[in-house]
Amino acid sequence: MTGLIVVGFDGSEHSGAALAYAFTQARRRGARLRAVYAWQMPMSSPYALGRRRC
């Protein structure tokens, strides 16, 4: 069987478990795995305030 499994990962414990499960399922099904990493820029960042230092 082929296909694509997509899983989101943000570094949390729960997303780590989801990633491990997705790896297992992809292996069992003969599917490709796409992991998508998500993060949020800290509000104290100069980029978040629209001011970039070059």
Protein backbone atom coordinates (compact mmCIF):
# COMPACT_ATOMS: atom_id res chain seq x y z
CA MET A 1 0.00 0.00 0.00
CA THR A 2 1.28 3.49 -0.75
CA GLY A 3 0.21 6.94 0.22
CA LEU A 4 1.22 9.92 2.28
CA ILE A 5 0.91 10.45 6.02
CA VAL A 6 1.23 14.02 7.27
CA VAL A 7 1.97 14.83 10.91
CA GLY A 8 2.49 18.13 12.68
CA PHE A 9 5.33 18.61 15.14
CA ASP A 10 5.91 21.58 17.46
CA GLY A 11 8.41 20.16 19.93
CA SER A 12 5.85 19.31 22.59
CA GLU A 13 5.61 15.91 24.26
CA HIS A 14 2.27 15.23 22.58
CA SER A 15 3.55 16.06 19.12
CA GLY A 16 6.56 13.80 19.73
CA ALA A 17 4.16 10.94 20.42
CA ALA A 18 2.20 11.80 17.27
CA LEU A 19 5.42 11.79 15.24
CA ALA A 20 6.43 8.37 16.60
CA TYR A 21 2.98 7.00 15.79
CA ALA A 22 3.12 8.46 12.28
CA PHE A 23 6.53 6.82 11.67
CA THR A 24 5.11 3.47 12.76
CA GLN A 25 2.04 3.81 10.57
CA ALA A 26 4.07 4.92 7.54
CA ARG A 27 6.37 1.93 7.93
CA ARG A 28 3.47 -0.51 8.30
CA ARG A 29 1.57 0.90 5.32
CA GLY A 30 4.59 1.46 3.07
CA ALA A 31 3.61 5.11 2.91
CA ARG A 32 5.68 8.26 2.69
CA LEU A 33 5.79 10.49 5.75
CA ARG A 34 5.74 14.28 5.73
CA ALA A 35 6.43 15.97 9.06
CA VAL A 36 5.51 19.64 9.34
CA TYR A 37 7.28 21.68 12.03
CA ALA A 38 5.48 24.66 13.52
CA TRP A 39 6.69 27.34 15.87
CA GLN A 40 5.72 30.79 16.96
CA MET A 41 8.14 33.69 17.04
CA PRO A 42 8.56 35.09 20.57
CA MET A 43 6.85 38.45 21.03
CA SER A 44 10.09 39.94 22.36
CA SER A 45 11.78 39.40 19.00
CA PRO A 46 12.56 42.53 16.93
CA TYR A 47 10.95 40.73 13.97
CA ALA A 48 7.66 40.48 15.86
CA LEU A 49 7.68 44.23 16.39
CA GLY A 50 8.45 44.93 12.73
CA ARG A 51 11.91 46.26 13.54
CA ARG A 52 14.78 44.35 12.02
CA ARG A 53 18.36 45.03 12.94
CA CYS A 54 20.76 44.67 10.02
